[in-house]
Protein backbone atom coordinates (compact mmCIF):
# COMPACT_ATOMS: atom_id res chain seq x y z
CA MET A 1 92.06 129.60 126.32
CA SER A 2 88.29 129.93 126.79
CA GLU A 3 86.40 129.65 130.05
CA ALA A 4 84.80 126.47 128.73
CA THR A 5 88.13 124.66 128.80
CA ILE A 6 88.93 125.53 132.43
CA THR A 7 89.03 122.38 134.51
CA ALA A 8 89.20 121.78 138.23
CA ASP A 9 92.09 119.69 139.53
CA SER A 10 93.87 119.30 142.83
CA GLY A 11 96.79 121.48 143.76
CA TYR A 12 98.84 118.32 144.20
CA GLU A 13 98.46 117.36 140.54
CA ARG A 14 99.66 120.79 139.41
CA ILE A 15 102.58 120.84 141.81
CA TRP A 16 103.80 117.32 141.11
CA LYS A 17 103.55 117.92 137.37
CA ASP A 18 105.86 120.93 137.77
CA ILE A 19 108.28 119.01 140.00
CA SER A 20 108.45 116.08 137.57
CA GLU A 21 108.94 118.25 134.49
CA LEU A 22 111.77 120.12 136.22
CA GLY A 23 113.41 116.94 137.53
CA LEU A 24 113.11 118.02 141.17
CA GLU A 25 111.85 114.76 142.70
CA ARG A 26 114.99 114.17 144.79
CA TYR A 27 114.82 117.68 146.24
CA ALA A 28 111.17 117.23 147.17
CA ALA A 29 112.17 113.98 148.88
CA ASP A 30 114.87 115.86 150.82
CA LEU A 31 112.23 118.28 152.08
CA ASP A 32 110.11 115.38 153.30
CA GLU A 33 112.96 113.52 154.99
CA TYR A 34 115.31 116.24 156.22
CA GLY A 35 113.19 119.39 156.24
CA TYR A 36 115.52 121.23 153.85
CA THR A 37 117.17 120.88 150.48
CA VAL A 38 120.03 122.51 148.55
CA ILE A 39 119.55 122.93 144.81
CA PRO A 40 122.87 123.46 142.98
CA PRO A 41 123.49 126.54 140.80
CA GLU A 42 123.16 124.73 137.48
CA ILE A 43 119.57 123.84 138.37
CA ALA A 44 118.61 126.68 140.71
CA MET A 45 119.85 129.82 138.97
CA PRO A 46 120.77 129.49 135.31
CA SER A 47 121.50 132.39 132.94
CA GLY A 48 123.60 134.47 135.32
CA LEU A 49 120.73 135.29 137.65
CA ALA A 50 122.92 135.00 140.76
CA GLU A 51 125.44 137.56 139.50
CA GLN A 52 122.69 140.00 138.55
CA MET A 53 121.00 139.58 141.91
CA LEU A 54 124.25 140.15 143.80
CA GLU A 55 124.93 143.40 141.92
CA ALA A 56 121.39 144.57 142.61
CA CYS A 57 121.87 143.88 146.33
CA LEU A 58 125.12 145.85 146.39
CA ASP A 59 123.33 148.73 144.67
CA ILE A 60 120.51 148.68 147.23
CA ALA A 61 122.96 148.66 150.12
CA GLU A 62 124.82 151.63 148.65
CA ARG A 63 121.58 153.60 148.19
CA ARG A 64 120.29 152.84 151.66
CA ASN A 65 123.51 153.05 153.68
CA GLY A 66 125.52 155.58 151.68
CA GLU A 67 128.47 153.24 151.13
CA ARG A 68 129.04 150.35 148.74
CA PRO A 69 129.63 147.06 150.58
CA ASP A 70 133.16 145.70 150.57
CA LEU A 71 132.80 142.15 149.28
CA ASN A 72 136.49 141.36 149.67
CA THR A 73 137.14 142.36 153.28
CA GLY A 74 133.65 142.86 154.72
CA ALA A 75 134.94 145.92 156.58
CA THR A 76 131.75 147.85 155.82
CA HIS A 77 129.74 145.23 157.72
CA ALA A 78 132.16 144.03 160.41
CA ARG A 79 130.48 143.58 163.79
CA LEU A 80 127.29 145.48 163.08
CA GLY A 81 124.98 146.21 166.00
CA ILE A 82 121.97 144.09 166.84
CA GLU A 83 119.03 144.64 164.44
CA THR A 84 121.05 147.27 162.63
CA THR A 85 121.19 149.04 159.35
CA GLY A 86 124.11 151.35 159.86
CA THR A 87 127.80 151.60 160.58
CA SER A 88 130.20 149.06 161.96
CA ARG A 89 131.47 148.87 165.54
CA GLU A 90 134.93 148.46 164.12
CA LYS A 91 134.61 151.89 162.48
CA GLY A 92 133.49 153.54 165.72
CA GLY A 93 130.19 154.78 164.33
CA GLN A 94 126.87 155.13 166.10
CA LEU A 95 124.89 151.94 165.71
CA LYS A 96 121.46 152.39 164.21
CA GLY A 97 118.34 150.24 164.35
CA ARG A 98 115.98 149.12 167.07
CA MET A 99 118.75 148.54 169.61
CA PRO A 100 121.29 151.34 169.04
CA THR A 101 122.68 151.38 172.57
CA LEU A 102 124.24 148.08 173.61
CA THR A 103 125.18 147.30 177.18
CA ASP A 104 127.53 144.44 176.36
CA ASP A 105 129.84 143.25 173.60
CA ARG A 106 127.23 141.54 171.46
CA ASP A 107 126.99 142.19 167.77
CA SER A 108 124.35 141.22 165.25
CA PRO A 109 124.19 137.50 164.37
CA VAL A 110 122.61 138.33 161.00
CA GLY A 111 124.30 141.55 159.86
CA ASP A 112 122.42 144.07 157.73
CA VAL A 113 118.91 143.00 156.70
CA MET A 114 117.45 145.07 153.88
CA GLN A 115 113.74 144.42 153.59
CA CYS A 116 111.09 145.13 150.94
CA ILE A 117 113.41 144.78 147.95
CA LEU A 118 111.01 143.35 145.34
CA VAL A 119 110.36 146.79 143.82
CA GLU A 120 114.05 147.74 143.79
CA ASP A 121 115.11 145.82 140.66
CA PRO A 122 113.38 143.57 138.06
CA VAL A 123 115.89 140.81 138.81
CA PHE A 124 113.99 140.08 142.03
CA GLU A 125 110.83 139.52 140.01
CA GLN A 126 112.75 136.91 138.01
CA GLY A 127 113.97 135.30 141.21
CA LEU A 128 110.47 135.12 142.63
CA MET A 129 109.05 133.55 139.47
CA ASN A 130 111.90 131.04 139.11
CA PRO A 131 110.04 127.78 138.27
CA VAL A 132 112.33 125.80 140.61
CA LEU A 133 111.51 128.03 143.58
CA LEU A 134 107.79 128.08 142.82
CA ALA A 135 107.53 124.31 142.41
CA LEU A 136 109.27 123.41 145.67
CA ALA A 137 107.75 126.25 147.70
CA SER A 138 104.33 125.16 146.47
CA TYR A 139 105.15 121.59 147.46
CA LEU A 140 105.65 122.82 151.02
CA CYS A 141 103.00 125.54 151.35
CA GLY A 142 100.43 124.72 148.69
CA TYR A 143 99.79 126.08 145.21
CA ARG A 144 98.10 129.20 146.60
CA MET A 145 101.10 130.16 148.73
CA VAL A 146 102.14 133.81 148.58
CA LEU A 147 105.24 135.90 149.16
CA SER A 148 105.22 137.24 152.70
CA GLY A 149 108.43 139.23 152.39
CA MET A 150 111.66 139.48 150.40
CA GLY A 151 114.94 140.69 151.85
CA CYS A 152 118.68 140.84 151.32
CA TRP A 153 120.98 139.72 154.14
CA MET A 154 124.62 140.88 154.31
CA LYS A 155 126.83 139.57 157.08
CA GLY A 156 130.45 140.55 157.55
CA PRO A 157 132.96 139.25 160.11
CA ASN A 158 131.24 138.99 163.50
CA LYS A 159 131.37 137.19 166.83
CA THR A 160 127.78 136.19 167.57
CA PRO A 161 126.21 133.04 166.09
CA PHE A 162 122.50 132.94 165.29
CA ALA A 163 120.87 130.48 167.70
CA LEU A 164 118.70 127.63 166.44
CA HIS A 165 115.05 128.54 165.94
CA THR A 166 112.12 127.84 163.62
CA ASP A 167 110.28 130.16 161.26
CA SER A 168 106.88 128.85 162.28
CA PRO A 169 104.47 131.55 163.50
CA VAL A 170 102.47 129.14 165.67
CA PRO A 171 103.28 127.80 169.16
CA SER A 172 104.21 124.21 169.92
CA PRO A 173 102.87 121.72 169.07
CA MET A 174 103.04 122.77 165.42
CA PRO A 175 101.17 121.11 162.55
CA GLN A 176 103.09 118.67 160.37
CA GLN A 177 102.36 120.58 157.18
CA ALA A 178 104.35 123.71 156.51
CA PHE A 179 102.51 126.97 157.07
CA VAL A 180 105.63 128.88 155.97
CA CYS A 181 108.88 128.11 154.17
CA GLN A 182 112.09 129.98 153.54
CA CYS A 183 113.65 130.10 150.06
CA THR A 184 117.19 131.46 150.18
CA TYR A 185 119.26 132.43 147.17
CA VAL A 186 122.92 131.97 148.08
CA LEU A 187 124.85 134.80 146.41
CA THR A 188 128.26 134.15 148.01
CA ASP A 189 129.62 130.79 149.11
CA TYR A 190 128.19 129.28 152.32
CA SER A 191 130.60 127.52 154.67
CA ARG A 192 131.43 127.34 158.38
CA GLU A 193 134.04 130.10 158.09
CA ASN A 194 131.74 132.23 155.99
CA GLY A 195 129.04 132.24 158.65
CA GLY A 196 126.92 129.71 156.84
CA LEU A 197 123.58 128.13 157.62
CA VAL A 198 123.21 125.49 160.33
CA ILE A 199 120.30 123.03 160.32
CA VAL A 200 119.13 120.12 162.45
CA PRO A 201 118.07 117.55 159.81
CA GLY A 202 114.67 116.02 160.41
CA SER A 203 113.77 118.52 163.14
CA HIS A 204 110.64 119.55 161.22
CA LYS A 205 109.12 116.22 162.24
CA LEU A 206 109.34 117.17 165.93
CA CYS A 207 106.62 119.79 165.37
CA ARG A 208 107.87 122.02 168.15
CA HIS A 209 110.19 124.93 168.75
CA PRO A 210 113.58 124.08 170.28
CA ASP A 211 113.88 124.40 174.04
CA PRO A 212 116.45 126.95 175.26
CA HIS A 213 119.09 124.29 175.96
CA GLU A 214 118.71 122.99 172.38
CA THR A 215 119.34 126.29 170.61
CA LYS A 216 123.10 126.67 171.00
CA ILE A 217 125.41 125.83 168.10
CA GLY A 218 129.15 125.20 168.06
CA GLU A 219 131.18 123.87 170.95
CA GLY A 220 128.93 122.47 173.66
CA GLY A 221 125.89 123.14 171.49
CA ASN A 222 123.30 120.98 169.78
CA SER A 223 125.12 117.87 168.58
CA ASP A 224 122.57 117.20 165.83
CA ALA A 225 123.19 120.52 164.06
CA VAL A 226 125.09 120.39 160.77
CA VAL A 227 126.64 123.10 158.59
CA VAL A 228 125.03 123.51 155.19
CA GLU A 229 127.68 124.22 152.58
CA ALA A 230 126.53 125.70 149.29
CA LYS A 231 128.12 127.41 146.32
CA ALA A 232 127.08 130.86 145.18
CA GLY A 233 124.08 130.48 142.91
CA SER A 234 122.51 127.71 144.97
CA LEU A 235 118.96 127.80 146.28
CA ILE A 236 118.20 126.49 149.77
CA LEU A 237 114.65 125.80 150.90
CA TRP A 238 113.47 124.67 154.31
CA HIS A 239 110.23 123.76 156.02
CA GLY A 240 108.97 126.36 158.50
CA ASN A 241 109.25 123.84 161.37
CA THR A 242 112.93 123.11 160.69
CA TRP A 243 115.42 124.17 163.37
CA HIS A 244 118.07 126.40 161.84
CA GLY A 245 120.57 129.15 162.66
CA SER A 246 124.02 130.20 161.50
CA TYR A 247 127.62 130.40 162.63
CA ASN A 248 129.42 133.68 163.05
CA ARG A 249 131.63 134.68 160.16
CA THR A 250 135.36 134.33 160.81
CA ALA A 251 136.58 134.83 157.24
CA PRO A 252 137.01 138.22 155.56
CA GLY A 253 134.31 139.29 153.13
CA LEU A 254 130.53 139.19 153.11
CA ARG A 255 127.88 136.49 153.22
CA VAL A 256 125.11 137.72 150.92
CA SER A 257 121.75 136.08 150.37
CA VAL A 258 118.23 136.95 149.23
CA THR A 259 115.31 135.36 151.05
CA ASN A 260 111.82 134.77 149.70
CA PHE A 261 109.63 133.98 152.71
CA MET A 262 106.60 132.10 151.41
CA VAL A 263 103.44 131.44 153.42
CA ARG A 264 99.97 129.98 153.12
CA PRO A 265 97.40 132.69 152.33
CA PHE A 266 95.90 132.80 155.83
CA ILE A 267 99.24 133.60 157.52
CA HIS A 268 100.02 137.21 158.44
CA LYS A 269 102.26 138.83 155.81
CA LEU A 270 105.49 140.72 156.51
CA GLU A 271 104.83 143.02 153.56
CA GLU A 272 101.50 144.39 152.28
CA LEU A 273 101.90 143.78 148.55
CA SER A 274 98.27 143.54 147.41
CA GLY A 275 97.30 146.80 145.75
CA ASN A 276 100.73 148.31 146.39
CA LEU A 277 102.83 147.13 143.43
CA PRO A 278 103.22 149.20 140.25
CA LYS A 279 100.79 148.24 137.51
CA GLU A 280 103.64 147.95 135.02
CA MET A 281 105.24 145.31 137.25
CA LEU A 282 102.06 143.24 137.27
CA ASP A 283 101.58 143.72 133.52
CA ARG A 284 105.05 142.53 132.54
CA ASN A 285 104.81 139.31 134.53
CA PRO A 286 102.68 136.19 133.99
CA PRO A 287 99.30 135.99 135.77
CA ARG A 288 100.66 133.82 138.57
CA PHE A 289 102.91 136.69 139.64
CA ALA A 290 99.80 138.52 140.83
CA MET A 291 98.74 135.43 142.76
CA VAL A 292 102.14 135.02 144.42
CA THR A 293 102.27 138.72 145.34
CA GLN A 294 99.01 138.52 147.32
CA HIS A 295 96.71 140.04 144.69
CA GLY A 296 94.46 136.99 144.67
CA ILE A 297 93.59 137.34 148.37
CA THR A 298 91.52 140.02 150.05
CA PRO A 299 93.28 142.24 152.62
CA GLY A 300 91.45 143.35 155.72
CA ARG A 301 88.53 145.69 155.02
CA LEU A 302 88.04 149.16 156.44
CA ASN A 303 84.28 149.05 155.87
CA GLN A 304 81.77 147.13 153.79
CA THR A 305 82.33 149.15 150.62
CA ASP A 306 86.10 148.81 150.94
CA GLY A 307 85.72 145.07 151.45
CA GLN A 308 83.58 144.70 148.35
CA GLU A 309 86.10 146.63 146.25
CA LYS A 310 89.03 144.57 147.51
CA THR A 311 87.18 141.29 146.97
CA GLY A 312 86.23 142.34 143.45
CA ARG A 313 89.83 143.23 142.64
CA ALA A 314 91.11 139.88 143.96
CA ASN A 315 88.49 138.00 141.95
CA GLU A 316 89.63 139.78 138.78
CA TYR A 317 93.20 138.60 139.29
CA ILE A 318 92.03 135.07 140.09
CA ALA A 319 89.87 134.97 136.95
CA ALA A 320 92.80 136.17 134.83
CA PHE A 321 95.02 133.44 136.22
CA GLU A 322 92.40 130.75 135.70
CA LYS A 323 91.84 131.84 132.11
CA ALA A 324 95.56 131.83 131.33
CA SER A 325 96.31 128.52 133.06
CA GLY A 326 93.16 126.61 132.20
CA THR A 327 92.70 125.42 135.78
CA LYS A 328 90.60 126.66 138.65
CA LEU A 329 92.50 128.18 141.54
CA ARG A 330 89.54 128.10 143.90
CA ALA A 331 89.60 124.70 145.60
CA GLY A 332 88.14 123.10 148.68
CA LYS A 333 89.69 123.83 152.06
CA ASN A 334 90.49 120.13 152.43
CA ASP A 335 92.90 120.24 149.50
CA TYR A 336 96.24 120.23 151.34
CA PHE A 337 98.02 121.65 148.31
CA ASN A 338 95.76 124.69 147.94
């Protein structure tokens, strides 16, 4: 497609075209009304993507921790320490992580969080470029949204629930539009017993973080919180303002998920991807992959020359995307969907 055919349009037109062609209108409506949506496996992850992603996560855990996770019993991840990547309390090992010495009986509400996994297996590239994820994440955070960080979460049997909170990086009052959104691939079934997700529907409209007395879940906790049940292979998205947490896991086994944390370009990133991904990874993916992995934005400059080089590199990726797509990515700051 030649430069002459490139046309300017609003991000909204692009996004709604994608949503309509994929038949995702009801899920976009859920995001507006409830602040979250659950896309079933037959729509979210066709072609065995969930099974491939789960195996890749088990491989990563084995490489990083020296032991393959036990999906059936969860013994490898039972009662891990707070903020830990290491051995279980139940196995009597030394807890690792930022808080290795605990003064009480708390354990981690989230289990083992393995970060920076995009480069670990090509299946995560497929997950990131899933048209369903891109369409709905763009609906929340604009067409120019980028991946802030990708991680795998493994939670075994534990005692501590994850209190209600938001993912928003700004203080209350928060803007109505989403600055960030979480896109979670469910790789094992979510339920109350399995330590599943808890959400307060419609809480994104409050535009504030929960007060301390509103964060508790379970008995005596927030009465508006509901358990989100989802089958393995589902995709759950929520608005960054949405109050959410999770129950502790009481059933044997592991709760495994992969999160794609998407943000507007001006938000601080959890991972520095621009300029740090293998060229072969960028080459084997469509031009929007470079945009989503931060290559169309300019990182902070060390000096003027460095800034010019980084800006030039970003402009090259933007131009490549515009040529391939036939639309201009550069849009006015008043375009909500850019």
